[in-house]
């Protein structure tokens, strides 16, 4: 939603050509099946969804064969911290199979070059270890009494996450704050722009222009899909571990993170990046955080490798969870 070539504000919208449109071909994919305007057979985990994405990409490159040899860059944020490593892993494994004369019949090699991830959750334990710290001290979201109460139960929560990561099976997801909030009003926890986007894509004239079938209703959030992924334990698994083999294969990784995000806070992100075992781990741990773009802002860059790097972490000052949109608008 941060990279669509339109700006939506209430009932009004306008076209918006951002800088990268002149240099890149951009494909926005609404996934998994059941969210946005996508429809088909539902899945309940990110690996199955990644297989669906690979199938889509194969069909896409058959329709646009002139794009098949281009460098392919995966981009995602938030829950994309789970989606991106799964999609990259499936794509990479299929490329290896094709090189050995195996893989899907008629499939083509996808030139996966790099991954760009913004404000992700890629490891539940790192995420929740640092989230409360951020909300109590970095952005002052909670008051002192709330922080005191929550810090007392944090060790039990982290122990439960570790147990879930080590134990197969389904747990009880009833009674979470997010679940209670969504049960009253699905869009009530989110910025108004989510509602504007839903209104835009459900207008009959827009659906017709975009080729969306009449029976398909655009949904910014799909509780039935969310609940199935939760039951599977999808977000609890340490998806960041998949980056190790990808980095070893030469597929580059960029994390760019809004410093003011209290949803997927930067301390939890840099935490799992430090833990990530890869050919670049030692150098990443020793690399300095260079102030950028000036020495006065709370923004830094940590780069391992030449140029933009093989493994890079950028902290963006004054940006929140939707850092991609912040960067686009700040350049306009």
Protein backbone atom coordinates (compact mmCIF):
# COMPACT_ATOMS: atom_id res chain seq x y z
CA UNK A 1 0.00 0.00 0.00
CA UNK A 2 3.02 2.29 0.35
CA UNK A 3 4.11 1.91 -3.25
CA UNK A 4 0.90 2.04 -5.28
CA UNK A 5 1.17 4.78 -7.96
CA UNK A 6 -1.85 6.60 -6.53
CA UNK A 7 -2.45 8.75 -3.47
CA UNK A 8 -5.72 8.14 -1.64
CA UNK A 9 -7.10 10.66 0.83
CA UNK A 10 -10.67 10.18 2.00
CA UNK A 11 -12.91 10.19 -1.07
CA UNK A 12 -10.27 11.67 -3.34
CA UNK A 13 -7.32 10.16 -5.16
CA UNK A 14 -4.65 11.25 -7.60
CA UNK A 15 -1.93 9.57 -9.62
CA UNK A 16 1.55 9.69 -8.17
CA UNK A 17 4.67 8.77 -10.10
CA UNK A 18 7.49 8.11 -7.65
CA UNK A 19 11.15 8.28 -8.55
CA UNK A 20 11.84 4.56 -8.76
CA UNK A 21 9.13 4.12 -11.41
CA UNK A 22 11.53 5.46 -13.99
CA UNK A 23 14.16 2.82 -13.24
CA UNK A 24 12.24 -0.28 -12.16
CA UNK A 25 9.28 -2.40 -13.16
CA UNK A 26 7.11 -2.70 -10.05
CA UNK A 27 4.66 -5.55 -9.42
CA UNK A 28 2.46 -5.33 -6.32
CA UNK A 29 1.17 -8.70 -5.16
CA UNK A 30 -1.77 -9.05 -2.77
CA UNK A 31 -1.09 -12.17 -0.74
CA UNK A 32 -1.83 -14.62 0.74
CA UNK A 33 -4.98 -15.70 -1.09
CA UNK A 34 -8.00 -14.14 0.58
CA UNK A 35 -6.63 -10.66 1.29
CA UNK A 36 -6.95 -7.58 -0.87
CA UNK A 37 -8.73 -8.58 -4.06
CA UNK A 38 -7.06 -11.98 -4.35
CA UNK A 39 -9.15 -15.14 -4.48
CA UNK A 40 -8.59 -18.86 -4.86
CA UNK A 41 -7.70 -21.79 -2.62
CA UNK A 42 -6.66 -20.54 0.82
CA UNK A 43 -3.47 -21.58 2.62
CA UNK A 44 -2.58 -21.25 6.31
CA UNK A 45 1.20 -20.71 6.36
CA UNK A 46 3.90 -18.64 4.70
CA UNK A 47 5.68 -21.56 3.03
CA UNK A 48 2.53 -22.63 1.17
CA UNK A 49 1.87 -18.98 0.31
CA UNK A 50 5.43 -18.71 -1.04
CA UNK A 51 4.80 -21.66 -3.34
CA UNK A 52 1.73 -19.82 -4.63
CA UNK A 53 3.90 -16.76 -5.26
CA UNK A 54 6.46 -18.81 -7.16
CA UNK A 55 3.67 -20.23 -9.31
CA UNK A 56 2.40 -16.70 -9.97
CA UNK A 57 5.89 -15.48 -10.93
CA UNK A 58 6.29 -18.30 -13.42
CA UNK A 59 3.02 -17.30 -15.08
CA UNK A 60 3.96 -13.62 -14.91
CA UNK A 61 7.25 -14.13 -16.73
CA UNK A 62 5.53 -16.20 -19.40
CA UNK A 63 3.22 -13.26 -20.06
CA UNK A 64 6.12 -10.76 -19.90
CA UNK A 65 9.13 -12.73 -21.20
CA UNK A 66 11.08 -9.51 -21.84
CA UNK A 67 11.29 -9.03 -18.04
CA UNK A 68 12.45 -12.54 -17.21
CA UNK A 69 16.17 -11.75 -17.48
CA UNK A 70 15.97 -8.65 -15.28
CA UNK A 71 17.30 -8.68 -11.74
CA UNK A 72 14.48 -9.67 -9.41
CA UNK A 73 14.24 -7.86 -6.06
CA UNK A 74 11.83 -8.97 -3.34
CA UNK A 75 10.44 -6.23 -1.11
CA UNK A 76 8.17 -6.38 1.90
CA UNK A 77 7.63 -5.04 5.38
CA UNK A 78 5.96 -5.83 8.70
CA UNK A 79 4.68 -9.43 8.26
CA UNK A 80 6.83 -9.31 5.12
CA UNK A 81 9.63 -10.21 7.51
CA UNK A 82 8.12 -13.70 7.36
CA UNK A 83 6.89 -13.66 3.75
CA UNK A 84 10.11 -12.42 2.13
CA UNK A 85 12.51 -15.11 3.43
CA UNK A 86 9.99 -17.83 2.57
CA UNK A 87 9.45 -16.53 -0.98
CA UNK A 88 13.18 -16.07 -1.48
CA UNK A 89 13.92 -19.57 -0.18
CA UNK A 90 11.33 -21.25 -2.41
CA UNK A 91 12.59 -19.29 -5.44
CA UNK A 92 16.23 -20.09 -4.69
CA UNK A 93 15.54 -23.79 -4.10
CA UNK A 94 13.58 -24.02 -7.35
CA UNK A 95 16.42 -22.28 -9.22
CA UNK A 96 18.84 -24.90 -7.87
CA UNK A 97 16.47 -27.70 -8.91
CA UNK A 98 16.17 -26.26 -12.42
CA UNK A 99 19.96 -26.07 -12.74
CA UNK A 100 20.08 -29.80 -11.95
CA UNK A 101 17.50 -30.57 -14.62
CA UNK A 102 14.70 -30.93 -12.08
CA UNK A 103 12.12 -28.46 -10.80
CA UNK A 104 8.70 -27.75 -12.24
CA UNK A 105 8.26 -28.73 -15.90
CA UNK A 106 8.61 -25.69 -18.13
CA UNK A 107 9.71 -23.41 -15.30
CA UNK A 108 12.25 -20.65 -15.91
CA UNK A 109 15.10 -19.38 -13.75
CA UNK A 110 14.15 -16.32 -11.69
CA UNK A 111 17.10 -13.97 -11.35
CA UNK A 112 16.71 -13.31 -7.61
CA UNK A 113 19.26 -10.60 -6.82
CA UNK A 114 18.32 -9.14 -3.44
CA UNK A 115 15.76 -8.67 -0.70
CA UNK A 116 14.56 -5.34 0.76
CA UNK A 117 12.76 -5.56 4.09
CA UNK A 118 11.26 -2.68 6.09
CA UNK A 119 10.33 -2.77 9.78
CA UNK A 120 9.77 -6.53 9.87
CA UNK A 121 8.88 -9.12 12.42
CA UNK A 122 11.15 -12.04 11.52
CA UNK A 123 11.75 -13.56 14.95
CA UNK A 124 9.05 -13.46 17.62
CA UNK A 125 11.46 -13.78 20.53
CA UNK A 126 13.67 -10.87 19.43
CA UNK A 127 10.58 -8.85 18.56
CA UNK A 128 8.88 -9.18 21.94
CA UNK A 129 12.11 -9.01 23.92
CA UNK A 130 12.57 -5.41 22.78
CA UNK A 131 9.03 -4.22 21.99
CA UNK A 132 8.10 -3.31 25.56
CA UNK A 133 11.43 -1.55 26.06
CA UNK A 134 10.67 0.58 23.00
CA UNK A 135 7.11 1.42 24.02
CA UNK A 136 8.12 2.37 27.55
CA UNK A 137 11.33 4.33 26.90
CA UNK A 138 11.99 5.03 23.22
CA UNK A 139 8.60 6.39 22.14
CA UNK A 140 6.85 6.70 25.54
CA UNK A 141 3.67 4.95 24.44
CA UNK A 142 2.91 3.42 27.85
CA UNK A 143 2.77 5.14 31.22
CA UNK A 144 4.90 4.06 34.19
CA UNK A 145 2.27 1.85 35.84
CA UNK A 146 1.58 -0.03 32.60
CA UNK A 147 5.29 -0.56 32.02
CA UNK A 148 5.80 -1.81 35.55
CA UNK A 149 2.94 -4.28 35.19
CA UNK A 150 4.04 -5.56 31.78
CA UNK A 151 7.73 -5.97 32.65
CA UNK A 152 6.70 -8.33 35.47
CA UNK A 153 5.09 -10.76 33.03
CA UNK A 154 7.55 -10.31 30.15
CA UNK A 155 9.81 -13.25 31.19
CA UNK A 156 6.80 -15.60 31.18
CA UNK A 157 5.77 -14.37 27.73
CA UNK A 158 9.27 -14.86 26.32
CA UNK A 159 9.45 -18.33 27.85
CA UNK A 160 6.15 -19.19 26.15
CA UNK A 161 7.51 -18.00 22.79
CA UNK A 162 10.63 -20.10 23.20
CA UNK A 163 8.51 -23.12 24.11
CA UNK A 164 6.32 -22.54 21.03
CA UNK A 165 9.40 -22.36 18.79
CA UNK A 166 10.66 -25.65 20.16
CA UNK A 167 7.36 -27.55 20.29
CA UNK A 168 5.19 -28.53 17.29
CA UNK A 169 1.45 -28.24 17.68
CA UNK A 170 -1.28 -25.65 17.98
CA UNK A 171 -1.77 -23.37 20.96
CA UNK A 172 -4.59 -21.21 22.30
CA UNK A 173 -4.67 -17.76 20.67
CA UNK A 174 -7.84 -16.61 22.45
CA UNK A 175 -7.90 -13.32 24.31
CA UNK A 176 -5.03 -11.35 22.81
CA UNK A 177 -5.27 -7.56 22.70
CA UNK A 178 -5.25 -7.54 18.90
CA UNK A 179 -7.96 -10.18 18.75
CA UNK A 180 -10.20 -8.26 21.16
CA UNK A 181 -9.76 -5.02 19.26
CA UNK A 182 -10.41 -6.55 15.86
CA UNK A 183 -13.50 -8.35 17.12
CA UNK A 184 -15.13 -4.96 17.74
CA UNK A 185 -14.00 -3.17 14.59
CA UNK A 186 -11.56 -4.76 12.11
CA UNK A 187 -10.14 -1.41 10.96
CA UNK A 188 -10.41 0.32 14.33
CA UNK A 189 -6.80 -0.38 15.29
CA UNK A 190 -5.39 1.04 12.06
CA UNK A 191 -4.92 4.47 10.45
CA UNK A 192 -7.91 5.90 8.52
CA UNK A 193 -6.04 5.38 5.24
CA UNK A 194 -6.77 1.64 5.46
CA UNK A 195 -10.48 2.42 5.30
CA UNK A 196 -9.97 4.83 2.41
CA UNK A 197 -8.12 2.16 0.45
CA UNK A 198 -10.90 -0.37 1.03
CA UNK A 199 -13.50 2.18 -0.11
CA UNK A 200 -11.46 2.95 -3.24
CA UNK A 201 -11.07 -0.67 -4.32
CA UNK A 202 -14.71 -1.57 -3.65
CA UNK A 203 -16.11 1.15 -5.90
CA UNK A 204 -17.79 -0.57 -8.91
CA UNK A 205 -16.09 1.70 -11.46
CA UNK A 206 -12.65 1.04 -10.00
CA UNK A 207 -13.26 -2.72 -9.79
CA UNK A 208 -14.28 -2.75 -13.43
CA UNK A 209 -11.22 -0.74 -14.48
CA UNK A 210 -8.90 -3.08 -12.57
CA UNK A 211 -10.57 -6.27 -13.80
CA UNK A 212 -11.73 -7.36 -10.33
CA UNK A 213 -14.71 -9.75 -10.60
CA UNK A 214 -17.97 -8.46 -9.15
CA UNK A 215 -18.15 -11.24 -6.55
CA UNK A 216 -14.73 -10.36 -5.10
CA UNK A 217 -14.68 -7.82 -2.27
CA UNK A 218 -11.43 -6.02 -1.41
CA UNK A 219 -10.36 -6.53 2.20
CA UNK A 220 -7.47 -4.71 3.84
CA UNK A 221 -7.74 -7.27 6.63
CA UNK A 222 -9.10 -10.79 6.43
CA UNK A 223 -9.69 -12.19 9.90
CA UNK A 224 -10.32 -15.72 8.64
CA UNK A 225 -6.92 -15.77 6.91
CA UNK A 226 -5.20 -14.21 9.92
CA UNK A 227 -6.69 -16.73 12.33
CA UNK A 228 -5.61 -19.71 10.23
CA UNK A 229 -2.03 -18.40 10.07
CA UNK A 230 -2.06 -17.83 13.84
CA UNK A 231 -3.31 -21.35 14.52
CA UNK A 232 -0.48 -22.71 12.42
CA UNK A 233 2.01 -20.71 14.51
CA UNK A 234 3.31 -18.99 11.39
CA UNK A 235 4.55 -15.76 12.93
CA UNK A 236 6.15 -17.47 15.94
CA UNK A 237 8.72 -19.37 13.88
CA UNK A 238 12.18 -17.72 13.47
CA UNK A 239 11.93 -16.88 9.77
CA UNK A 240 15.19 -14.88 9.87
CA UNK A 241 17.17 -18.15 9.94
CA UNK A 242 16.37 -18.62 6.25
CA UNK A 243 18.51 -15.60 5.38
CA UNK A 244 21.75 -17.46 6.16
CA UNK A 245 21.75 -19.81 3.13
CA UNK A 246 20.45 -17.01 0.89
CA UNK A 247 23.30 -14.69 1.87
CA UNK A 248 25.78 -17.51 1.36
CA UNK A 249 24.40 -17.94 -2.17
CA UNK A 250 25.15 -14.27 -2.94
CA UNK A 251 21.60 -12.93 -2.60
CA UNK A 252 21.90 -9.54 -0.94
CA UNK A 253 19.83 -8.36 2.05
CA UNK A 254 18.80 -4.83 3.02
CA UNK A 255 16.86 -3.87 6.13
CA UNK A 256 15.67 -0.25 6.29
CA UNK A 257 13.86 0.61 9.48
CA UNK A 258 11.92 3.59 10.82
CA UNK A 259 13.48 4.73 14.09
CA UNK A 260 10.13 5.78 15.58
CA UNK A 261 8.23 2.56 14.86
CA UNK A 262 6.55 1.16 17.97
CA UNK A 263 4.97 -1.76 16.10
CA UNK A 264 8.08 -3.57 14.84
CA UNK A 265 10.73 -1.73 16.82
CA UNK A 266 14.29 -1.37 15.55
CA UNK A 267 16.01 -2.88 18.66
CA UNK A 268 14.27 -6.20 17.99
CA UNK A 269 15.32 -6.10 14.34
CA UNK A 270 18.99 -5.38 14.95
CA UNK A 271 18.84 -8.11 17.62
CA UNK A 272 18.00 -10.94 15.21
CA UNK A 273 20.39 -9.53 12.60
CA UNK A 274 23.21 -9.82 15.13
CA UNK A 275 22.18 -13.43 15.80
CA UNK A 276 21.95 -14.34 12.11
CA UNK A 277 24.65 -16.88 11.25
CA UNK A 278 25.95 -16.12 7.77
CA UNK A 279 29.28 -15.53 5.99
CA UNK A 280 28.92 -11.87 7.04
CA UNK A 281 28.06 -12.29 10.73
CA UNK A 282 31.48 -11.47 12.19
CA UNK A 283 31.94 -8.44 9.95
CA UNK A 284 28.38 -7.24 10.62
CA UNK A 285 28.95 -7.42 14.38
CA UNK A 286 32.15 -5.38 14.05
CA UNK A 287 30.87 -2.86 11.48
CA UNK A 288 30.26 0.69 12.74
CA UNK A 289 26.90 2.43 12.59
CA UNK A 290 27.76 5.41 10.40
CA UNK A 291 25.58 8.52 10.89
CA UNK A 292 23.47 9.19 7.78
CA UNK A 293 22.57 11.43 6.07
CA UNK A 294 23.91 13.92 8.63
CA UNK A 295 25.64 13.64 11.98
CA UNK A 296 22.78 15.37 13.81
CA UNK A 297 19.95 12.94 13.06
CA UNK A 298 19.09 9.70 14.82
CA UNK A 299 19.87 7.73 11.67
CA UNK A 300 22.67 5.33 10.82
CA UNK A 301 23.89 2.89 8.18
CA UNK A 302 25.74 -0.38 8.80
CA UNK A 303 27.13 -1.94 5.61
CA UNK A 304 28.97 -5.20 4.99
CA UNK A 305 30.33 -5.60 1.47
CA UNK A 306 31.12 -3.28 -1.40
CA UNK A 307 28.81 -0.49 -2.55
CA UNK A 308 25.33 -0.89 -1.10
CA UNK A 309 26.60 -4.05 0.60
CA UNK A 310 25.74 -7.72 0.83
CA UNK A 311 24.11 -7.21 4.22
CA UNK A 312 23.01 -3.69 5.10
CA UNK A 313 21.01 -2.12 7.92
CA UNK A 314 19.66 1.44 7.67
CA UNK A 315 17.95 3.28 10.54
CA UNK A 316 15.76 6.11 9.18
CA UNK A 317 15.16 9.11 11.43
CA UNK A 318 11.59 10.34 12.07
CA UNK A 319 10.07 7.40 10.18
CA UNK A 320 7.59 4.96 11.67
CA UNK A 321 6.21 1.60 10.61
CA UNK A 322 5.48 2.65 7.02
CA UNK A 323 9.05 3.73 6.33
CA UNK A 324 8.76 3.07 2.59
CA UNK A 325 5.97 5.62 2.26
CA UNK A 326 7.94 8.08 4.40
CA UNK A 327 10.95 7.80 2.10
CA UNK A 328 8.85 8.17 -1.06
CA UNK A 329 7.06 11.28 0.15
CA UNK A 330 10.21 12.86 1.58
CA UNK A 331 11.78 12.61 -1.89
CA UNK A 332 8.82 14.14 -3.72
